[in-house]
Amino acid sequence: MENEKLKYLTTYLLSEHSEWNDLVFPTNESEQFHLYRSLVNIRPAGKASAEYLKAEDEFLRGLTAQKGITSVADLQPVEEHIYLWKGDITTLQCGAIVNAANSGMTGCYHPCHNCIDNCIHTFAGVRLRLKCAEIMKAQGHEEPTGTAKITPAYNLPCDYVIHTVGPIVQGRLTEKHCELLKSCYQSCLELAVQSGVKSIAFCCISTGVFGFPQEKAAEIAVDTIRTFLKTHEIEVICNVFSEKDFRIYQRLLG
């Protein structure tokens, strides 16, 4: 049944590209998913049919369930209201997860790229890009570094996605870089509280292709979160994916 949904979704997305009418459809399921994800990643923001969206909802939610969903309620705090969790943020059930976005704010268009922006848009489904595009069109300009926007999470197990644009470090790390990264965490926390979100999971903003040194980024994240929690009530999950980041946060927390 899941394979039939995958075939339907992929065929629908391929039908939007008349130039690929002669493409040979893969027989291997992993290759089919790779094609499906690639088509989702390059697809411009736009509406899809109700039938497509229903199939996408069922497929993506089933896929996430197979990977295994982790609830914030099952985690143990390492400090009061602060948690450290190593895992796939797209499988975390909480109030909101933070997406490290680019200034265009509509996701990563590079097919099957392993950045968090790509993963979140892939497993949320095509409505997330459309929603982000609507927000950006209404705003009329790119998102400034250090600010944040909130959207529904669609097929992710969290309730919302908070998108923030981190600083890009090319060469020497400056005080301005540090101020902008702090602003990312502050903006996301403030937006979460304003939106009634009870728990928020942060990825390691700007430490991937944006080049922010991991140690310093973690120090800024922890300091900003601790300061915010002195005057606000919200559960904060520091989500890491690599063992290196896990060890850094483990040393800073608790």
Protein backbone atom coordinates (compact mmCIF):
# COMPACT_ATOMS: atom_id res chain seq x y z
CA MET A 1 0.00 0.00 0.00
CA GLU A 2 2.80 2.44 0.91
CA ASN A 3 4.58 1.59 -2.32
CA GLU A 4 1.41 2.37 -4.28
CA LYS A 5 1.15 5.76 -2.57
CA LEU A 6 4.80 6.46 -3.39
CA LYS A 7 4.21 5.57 -7.05
CA TYR A 8 1.14 7.79 -7.19
CA LEU A 9 2.93 10.76 -5.58
CA THR A 10 5.97 10.41 -7.83
CA THR A 11 3.85 10.04 -10.96
CA TYR A 12 1.84 13.15 -10.00
CA LEU A 13 5.00 15.21 -9.52
CA LEU A 14 6.49 13.91 -12.77
CA SER A 15 3.31 14.94 -14.62
CA GLU A 16 4.19 18.56 -13.78
CA HIS A 17 7.31 18.18 -16.00
CA SER A 18 6.38 17.54 -19.62
CA GLU A 19 10.09 17.54 -20.52
CA TRP A 20 10.50 14.29 -18.57
CA ASN A 21 7.77 12.28 -20.31
CA ASP A 22 10.34 9.75 -21.50
CA LEU A 23 11.89 9.21 -18.05
CA VAL A 24 12.11 5.53 -17.13
CA PHE A 25 10.31 5.02 -13.82
CA PRO A 26 12.54 3.24 -11.26
CA THR A 27 11.50 -0.25 -10.17
CA ASN A 28 13.50 -0.17 -6.94
CA GLU A 29 11.56 1.40 -4.04
CA SER A 30 14.55 3.29 -2.61
CA GLU A 31 15.23 4.76 -6.06
CA GLN A 32 11.57 5.69 -6.34
CA PHE A 33 11.75 7.52 -3.01
CA HIS A 34 14.95 9.28 -4.12
CA LEU A 35 13.13 10.46 -7.26
CA TYR A 36 10.05 11.48 -5.26
CA ARG A 37 12.12 13.47 -2.77
CA SER A 38 14.10 15.13 -5.57
CA LEU A 39 10.89 16.21 -7.27
CA VAL A 40 9.53 17.60 -3.99
CA ASN A 41 12.77 19.49 -3.37
CA ILE A 42 12.86 21.21 -6.77
CA ARG A 43 9.11 21.87 -6.95
CA PRO A 44 8.25 25.59 -6.87
CA ALA A 45 5.77 26.75 -4.26
CA GLY A 46 2.30 25.97 -5.55
CA LYS A 47 -0.97 24.23 -4.84
CA ALA A 48 -1.49 20.49 -5.34
CA SER A 49 -4.70 18.55 -5.80
CA ALA A 50 -6.74 17.42 -2.80
CA GLU A 51 -6.12 13.81 -3.85
CA TYR A 52 -2.36 14.36 -3.93
CA LEU A 53 -2.36 16.05 -0.52
CA LYS A 54 -4.41 13.23 1.03
CA ALA A 55 -1.99 10.63 -0.32
CA GLU A 56 1.00 12.72 0.78
CA ASP A 57 -0.41 13.06 4.30
CA GLU A 58 -0.89 9.32 4.61
CA PHE A 59 2.48 8.45 3.10
CA LEU A 60 4.62 10.92 5.04
CA ARG A 61 2.93 10.29 8.38
CA GLY A 62 3.32 6.56 7.86
CA LEU A 63 6.98 7.03 6.96
CA THR A 64 7.65 9.07 10.09
CA ALA A 65 5.83 6.52 12.25
CA GLN A 66 8.07 3.80 10.81
CA LYS A 67 11.17 5.81 11.73
CA GLY A 68 9.82 6.13 15.28
CA ILE A 69 8.39 9.20 16.98
CA THR A 70 9.94 10.58 20.17
CA SER A 71 7.75 12.70 22.46
CA VAL A 72 9.15 15.48 24.61
CA ALA A 73 7.13 13.92 27.44
CA ASP A 74 9.43 10.88 27.29
CA LEU A 75 12.64 12.93 27.66
CA GLN A 76 14.42 13.67 30.93
CA PRO A 77 15.64 17.24 31.57
CA VAL A 78 19.36 17.80 32.08
CA GLU A 79 18.57 21.16 33.71
CA GLU A 80 15.25 22.62 34.79
CA HIS A 81 13.18 23.01 31.58
CA ILE A 82 16.18 22.11 29.34
CA TYR A 83 16.63 18.78 27.54
CA LEU A 84 19.41 17.34 25.42
CA TRP A 85 18.36 14.90 22.71
CA LYS A 86 20.36 13.29 19.92
CA GLY A 87 18.16 12.26 17.01
CA ASP A 88 16.20 13.19 13.89
CA ILE A 89 14.33 16.41 14.64
CA THR A 90 11.65 15.54 12.05
CA THR A 91 10.55 12.67 14.33
CA LEU A 92 10.19 14.79 17.49
CA GLN A 93 6.72 15.35 18.90
CA CYS A 94 6.73 18.72 20.66
CA GLY A 95 5.29 22.19 20.34
CA ALA A 96 7.68 23.50 17.70
CA ILE A 97 10.93 22.58 16.01
CA VAL A 98 13.36 25.17 14.70
CA ASN A 99 14.42 25.11 11.07
CA ALA A 100 17.76 26.63 10.06
CA ALA A 101 16.48 28.38 6.95
CA ASN A 102 18.06 30.58 4.30
CA SER A 103 16.95 34.15 3.64
CA GLY A 104 14.52 33.03 0.93
CA MET A 105 12.67 31.04 3.62
CA THR A 106 11.07 28.57 1.19
CA GLY A 107 13.36 25.61 1.80
CA CYS A 108 16.34 23.93 0.19
CA TYR A 109 15.92 23.31 -3.55
CA HIS A 110 18.95 21.01 -3.89
CA PRO A 111 17.63 17.47 -4.57
CA CYS A 112 18.05 15.19 -1.55
CA HIS A 113 20.48 17.52 0.20
CA ASN A 114 21.03 16.39 3.79
CA CYS A 115 20.59 19.81 5.42
CA ILE A 116 17.89 20.26 8.04
CA ASP A 117 16.00 22.72 5.83
CA ASN A 118 15.67 20.07 3.13
CA CYS A 119 14.66 17.35 5.59
CA ILE A 120 11.99 19.46 7.28
CA HIS A 121 10.41 20.52 3.98
CA THR A 122 10.58 16.98 2.60
CA PHE A 123 8.81 15.34 5.53
CA ALA A 124 6.37 18.19 6.18
CA GLY A 125 5.13 18.03 2.58
CA VAL A 126 4.60 20.53 -0.22
CA ARG A 127 2.20 22.76 1.72
CA LEU A 128 5.05 24.01 3.90
CA ARG A 129 6.89 25.62 0.97
CA LEU A 130 3.64 27.19 -0.24
CA LYS A 131 2.91 28.61 3.22
CA CYS A 132 6.45 30.02 3.50
CA ALA A 133 6.17 31.55 0.02
CA GLU A 134 2.89 33.24 0.97
CA ILE A 135 4.50 34.72 4.07
CA MET A 136 7.47 35.98 2.08
CA LYS A 137 5.27 37.45 -0.65
CA ALA A 138 3.27 39.35 1.96
CA GLN A 139 6.50 40.53 3.60
CA GLY A 140 7.93 41.74 0.30
CA HIS A 141 11.59 41.11 1.08
CA GLU A 142 13.98 38.38 2.18
CA GLU A 143 14.09 37.40 5.83
CA PRO A 144 16.77 39.30 7.78
CA THR A 145 19.38 37.27 9.64
CA GLY A 146 18.51 36.72 13.29
CA THR A 147 14.72 36.89 12.91
CA ALA A 148 12.08 34.16 12.77
CA LYS A 149 8.74 33.14 11.30
CA ILE A 150 6.28 30.44 12.43
CA THR A 151 4.24 28.05 10.26
CA PRO A 152 2.15 24.93 10.75
CA ALA A 153 4.16 21.70 10.68
CA TYR A 154 1.75 19.80 8.39
CA ASN A 155 2.93 16.16 8.34
CA LEU A 156 5.61 16.47 11.00
CA PRO A 157 4.72 15.20 14.50
CA CYS A 158 5.37 18.64 16.04
CA ASP A 159 2.71 21.36 15.98
CA TYR A 160 4.72 24.17 14.40
CA VAL A 161 7.96 24.93 12.59
CA ILE A 162 9.82 28.10 13.52
CA HIS A 163 12.12 29.18 10.70
CA THR A 164 15.15 31.35 11.46
CA VAL A 165 18.02 32.62 9.32
CA GLY A 166 21.39 32.16 10.97
CA PRO A 167 24.57 34.11 10.23
CA ILE A 168 26.98 32.83 7.58
CA VAL A 169 30.59 32.73 8.76
CA GLN A 170 33.20 33.01 6.03
CA GLY A 171 36.64 33.45 7.51
CA ARG A 172 37.09 34.98 10.96
CA LEU A 173 34.27 34.78 13.50
CA THR A 174 33.19 38.29 14.53
CA GLU A 175 31.18 39.74 17.39
CA LYS A 176 28.46 40.59 14.85
CA HIS A 177 28.16 36.90 13.93
CA CYS A 178 27.72 36.08 17.62
CA GLU A 179 25.10 38.79 18.13
CA LEU A 180 23.11 37.56 15.13
CA LEU A 181 23.18 33.95 16.32
CA LYS A 182 22.01 35.02 19.76
CA SER A 183 19.20 36.93 18.04
CA CYS A 184 18.13 33.72 16.24
CA TYR A 185 17.63 31.90 19.55
CA GLN A 186 16.01 34.91 21.20
CA SER A 187 13.64 35.51 18.27
CA CYS A 188 12.57 31.85 18.16
CA LEU A 189 11.95 31.71 21.92
CA GLU A 190 9.96 34.94 21.91
CA LEU A 191 7.88 33.85 18.92
CA ALA A 192 7.20 30.47 20.53
CA VAL A 193 5.93 32.06 23.75
CA GLN A 194 3.85 34.61 21.83
CA SER A 195 2.28 31.74 19.87
CA GLY A 196 1.41 29.72 22.96
CA VAL A 197 3.98 27.01 22.23
CA LYS A 198 4.82 24.98 25.35
CA SER A 199 7.99 23.27 24.07
CA ILE A 200 10.56 24.10 21.41
CA ALA A 201 13.39 22.04 19.92
CA PHE A 202 16.45 23.83 18.56
CA CYS A 203 18.77 22.41 15.96
CA CYS A 204 22.38 23.60 15.92
CA ILE A 205 21.72 26.81 13.98
CA SER A 206 24.39 27.95 11.50
CA THR A 207 26.91 25.21 12.37
CA GLY A 208 26.54 23.27 9.12
CA VAL A 209 27.22 24.79 5.71
CA PHE A 210 26.87 28.27 7.29
CA GLY A 211 30.23 27.68 8.98
CA PHE A 212 29.65 28.86 12.57
CA PRO A 213 32.15 27.14 14.95
CA GLN A 214 30.27 24.46 16.89
CA GLU A 215 31.71 25.15 20.35
CA LYS A 216 30.97 28.88 20.26
CA ALA A 217 27.52 28.33 18.74
CA ALA A 218 26.59 25.95 21.55
CA GLU A 219 27.82 28.39 24.20
CA ILE A 220 25.65 31.15 22.70
CA ALA A 221 22.65 28.82 22.47
CA VAL A 222 22.89 27.63 26.08
CA ASP A 223 23.52 31.12 27.49
CA THR A 224 20.57 32.59 25.57
CA ILE A 225 18.22 29.77 26.56
CA ARG A 226 19.19 29.94 30.25
CA THR A 227 18.70 33.71 30.34
CA PHE A 228 15.31 33.47 28.63
CA LEU A 229 14.10 30.79 31.06
CA LYS A 230 14.70 33.09 34.00
CA THR A 231 11.63 35.10 32.98
CA HIS A 232 9.59 32.70 30.81
CA GLU A 233 8.12 29.21 31.10
CA ILE A 234 8.78 26.91 28.16
CA GLU A 235 10.42 23.51 27.73
CA VAL A 236 13.52 23.72 25.52
CA ILE A 237 15.11 20.77 23.74
CA CYS A 238 18.65 21.11 22.42
CA ASN A 239 18.58 18.73 19.48
CA VAL A 240 21.85 17.43 18.09
CA PHE A 241 22.57 14.97 15.31
CA SER A 242 26.33 14.41 15.53
CA GLU A 243 28.26 12.84 18.37
CA LYS A 244 30.57 15.88 18.46
CA ASP A 245 27.67 18.26 19.09
CA PHE A 246 26.24 15.89 21.69
CA ARG A 247 29.52 15.95 23.66
CA ILE A 248 29.73 19.75 23.43
CA TYR A 249 26.20 20.25 24.82
CA GLN A 250 26.69 17.53 27.40
CA ARG A 251 29.67 19.45 28.75
CA LEU A 252 27.81 22.78 28.79
CA LEU A 253 24.55 21.53 30.33
CA GLY A 254 23.73 19.98 33.68
